[in-house]
Protein backbone atom coordinates (compact mmCIF):
# COMPACT_ATOMS: atom_id res chain seq x y z
CA MET A 1 -39.72 17.95 6.99
CA ILE A 2 -40.11 14.78 4.26
CA GLY A 3 -44.32 13.74 4.95
CA LYS A 4 -45.40 10.36 3.43
CA PHE A 5 -48.98 8.76 2.87
CA ASP A 6 -49.92 5.62 4.39
CA PRO A 7 -49.53 2.57 2.66
CA VAL A 8 -53.34 1.88 3.50
CA LEU A 9 -56.18 4.83 3.53
CA TYR A 10 -59.94 3.80 5.28
CA PHE A 11 -63.05 4.82 5.48
CA ARG A 12 -64.60 5.34 8.28
CA HIS A 13 -66.80 3.21 9.49
CA GLY A 14 -69.88 2.79 7.84
CA SER A 15 -69.47 6.75 6.00
CA ASN A 16 -67.79 8.23 2.41
CA THR A 17 -64.88 10.16 4.55
CA LEU A 18 -61.76 8.46 3.96
CA ASP A 19 -58.85 9.23 6.79
CA VAL A 20 -55.81 10.29 4.22
CA CYS A 21 -52.93 10.68 6.49
CA GLY A 22 -49.58 10.16 6.53
CA PRO A 23 -45.86 10.76 8.69
CA ILE A 24 -44.17 13.65 8.61
CA PHE A 25 -40.65 13.68 9.57
CA TRP A 26 -39.15 16.85 10.62
CA ASP A 27 -35.48 18.07 10.10
CA LEU A 28 -33.61 19.20 13.03
CA PRO A 29 -33.49 22.26 14.32
CA ARG A 30 -33.93 23.35 10.49
CA ASP A 31 -37.62 22.72 10.88
CA GLN A 32 -37.84 24.11 14.26
CA ASN A 33 -40.45 26.89 13.78
CA LEU A 34 -41.77 25.53 10.37
CA GLU A 35 -45.37 25.10 10.33
CA ILE A 36 -47.25 23.74 8.35
CA ARG A 37 -50.66 23.19 6.24
CA VAL A 38 -51.39 19.95 3.96
CA GLU A 39 -53.30 19.85 0.45
CA VAL A 40 -54.11 15.81 -0.80
CA GLU A 41 -54.83 15.36 -4.12
CA LEU A 42 -56.38 11.41 -4.94
CA PHE A 43 -56.92 9.32 -8.24
CA GLN A 44 -58.70 6.19 -9.00
CA SER A 45 -60.42 5.03 -12.04
CA GLY A 46 -60.40 8.48 -13.85
CA GLN A 47 -61.64 9.87 -10.96
CA SER A 48 -59.98 12.85 -8.65
CA VAL A 49 -60.81 14.47 -5.49
CA ASN A 50 -59.27 16.61 -3.17
CA GLY A 51 -59.17 18.61 0.56
CA ASN A 52 -56.66 20.20 2.39
CA THR A 53 -56.09 20.31 6.24
CA GLY A 54 -57.47 24.27 6.21
CA GLY A 55 -57.26 25.87 9.48
CA THR A 56 -55.90 22.79 11.02
CA HIS A 57 -51.56 23.12 10.95
CA PHE A 58 -48.68 20.76 11.92
CA ARG A 59 -45.33 21.94 13.55
CA PRO A 60 -42.61 19.95 15.77
CA PRO A 61 -43.36 17.75 17.55
CA ASP A 62 -46.30 16.14 15.18
CA ASP A 63 -45.68 13.17 13.65
CA GLU A 64 -48.46 12.47 11.34
CA TRP A 65 -50.84 14.70 9.43
CA MET A 66 -54.54 14.03 8.34
CA ILE A 67 -57.11 14.71 6.63
CA TYR A 68 -60.85 14.15 6.33
CA ILE A 69 -62.55 13.98 2.36
CA ASN A 70 -66.36 12.90 2.15
CA THR A 71 -66.05 11.77 -1.75
CA ASN A 72 -68.15 9.50 -4.16
CA ASN A 73 -66.10 8.93 -6.39
CA LEU A 74 -63.86 6.92 -4.51
CA VAL A 75 -64.29 2.60 -3.73
CA PRO A 76 -61.45 0.79 -1.70
CA GLY A 77 -58.66 -0.34 -4.28
CA SER A 78 -55.32 1.08 -5.24
CA ALA A 79 -54.65 5.08 -6.29
CA PHE A 80 -52.69 7.49 -6.55
CA GLY A 81 -51.65 10.24 -4.50
CA ARG A 82 -50.81 13.80 -3.92
CA ALA A 83 -49.41 15.61 -1.49
CA ARG A 84 -48.03 19.24 -0.79
CA ALA A 85 -47.22 20.90 2.43
CA ILE A 86 -47.72 24.62 2.53
CA ASN A 87 -45.16 26.52 5.16
CA VAL A 88 -48.04 28.73 6.90
CA GLN A 89 -46.09 31.94 7.38
CA THR A 90 -44.95 32.24 3.82
CA GLY A 91 -47.15 30.52 1.53
CA ASN A 92 -44.85 28.21 -0.12
CA GLU A 93 -44.78 24.75 -0.87
CA ALA A 94 -42.26 23.41 1.48
CA ARG A 95 -42.10 19.34 0.14
CA LYS A 96 -44.54 17.44 -1.83
CA TRP A 97 -44.75 13.90 -2.08
CA GLU A 98 -47.15 11.67 -4.23
CA SER A 99 -47.46 7.27 -4.03
CA PRO A 100 -49.70 4.70 -4.58
CA VAL A 101 -52.22 3.78 -2.44
CA THR A 102 -54.27 1.13 -1.59
CA ILE A 103 -57.91 2.41 0.20
CA ASP A 104 -60.30 0.08 2.31
CA ARG A 105 -62.93 -0.38 4.87
CA HIS A 106 -62.01 -1.03 8.18
CA LEU A 107 -64.44 -3.53 9.12
CA LEU A 108 -66.97 -4.96 6.80
CA THR A 109 -70.47 -3.74 8.07
CA VAL A 110 -73.38 -5.36 7.42
CA LEU A 111 -74.42 -2.67 3.81
CA ALA A 112 -71.65 -4.13 2.92
CA ALA A 113 -72.35 -7.73 3.79
CA ARG A 114 -75.69 -7.62 2.09
CA GLN A 115 -74.19 -5.60 -1.00
CA LEU A 116 -71.22 -8.59 -1.69
CA LEU A 117 -74.13 -11.53 -0.52
CA THR A 118 -76.77 -9.57 -3.91
CA ASP A 119 -72.93 -9.30 -6.56
CA SER A 120 -72.43 -12.30 -5.85
CA ALA A 121 -75.73 -14.09 -6.47
CA ASN A 122 -76.21 -12.26 -9.88
CA ASN A 123 -72.29 -13.44 -11.01
CA GLU A 124 -71.65 -9.86 -10.32
CA LEU A 125 -68.01 -8.41 -9.31
CA PRO A 126 -67.74 -6.24 -6.48
CA ASP A 127 -66.90 -2.45 -7.38
CA ILE A 128 -62.81 -1.98 -7.15
CA GLY A 129 -61.21 0.74 -7.96
CA ALA A 130 -57.97 1.41 -10.19
CA ALA A 131 -55.16 3.74 -9.58
CA PRO A 132 -53.78 5.10 -12.90
CA PRO A 133 -52.08 3.22 -15.08
CA GLN A 134 -47.80 3.73 -13.64
CA GLU A 135 -46.94 6.42 -16.85
CA GLU A 136 -49.60 8.62 -16.30
CA TRP A 137 -48.37 9.55 -12.50
CA ASP A 138 -45.79 12.74 -13.66
CA GLU A 139 -48.93 14.06 -16.13
CA LEU A 140 -51.11 13.51 -13.22
CA SER A 141 -48.25 15.20 -10.17
CA ALA A 142 -47.25 17.81 -13.14
CA ARG A 143 -50.74 19.55 -13.39
CA GLU A 144 -51.87 22.47 -11.49
CA TRP A 145 -53.37 21.69 -7.57
CA PRO A 146 -57.33 22.78 -6.94
CA SER A 147 -58.76 25.38 -5.58
CA ALA A 148 -57.53 25.87 -1.81
CA ASP A 149 -61.21 26.92 -0.90
CA PRO A 150 -61.64 25.87 2.49
CA ASP A 151 -64.95 24.37 2.03
CA LEU A 152 -63.23 21.19 0.60
CA VAL A 153 -62.41 20.79 4.29
CA ALA A 154 -63.79 18.29 5.21
CA GLU A 155 -65.51 16.85 8.50
CA PRO A 156 -65.39 13.13 9.91
CA GLN A 157 -69.18 12.27 9.27
CA GLY A 158 -70.18 9.60 12.14
């Protein structure tokens, strides 16, 4: 199996819950009985957040993985993500992937519009996150993974 990030990750409407997801490509028939959970970590502007799919598992023919991460640390802008698929039956890492991503909001909300107007009236630029420099990506990818604590699993907030 091969996992990837969607190039743009979106906050759920009016919340701090980020939909972190991407496609899964299965190598059939080899992966026919493979069942995975996914752990993810995102880095932006010196901050990192992580989450996992907990009890939600993926197997063929699932074509996408998804994690909801509640965060106040990330803002629209660029970021760097890493993820790994864990074989549920063995507990071993089945595959890992990483890539730059863009974080964005689905729609301009009334609150966001109000904040943009206030910032522009004060000659301030909106807060836009930045991915770590590319020369740091290998180091970030090699870091020890955060705890797979089930309490880190976030449910979407409406």
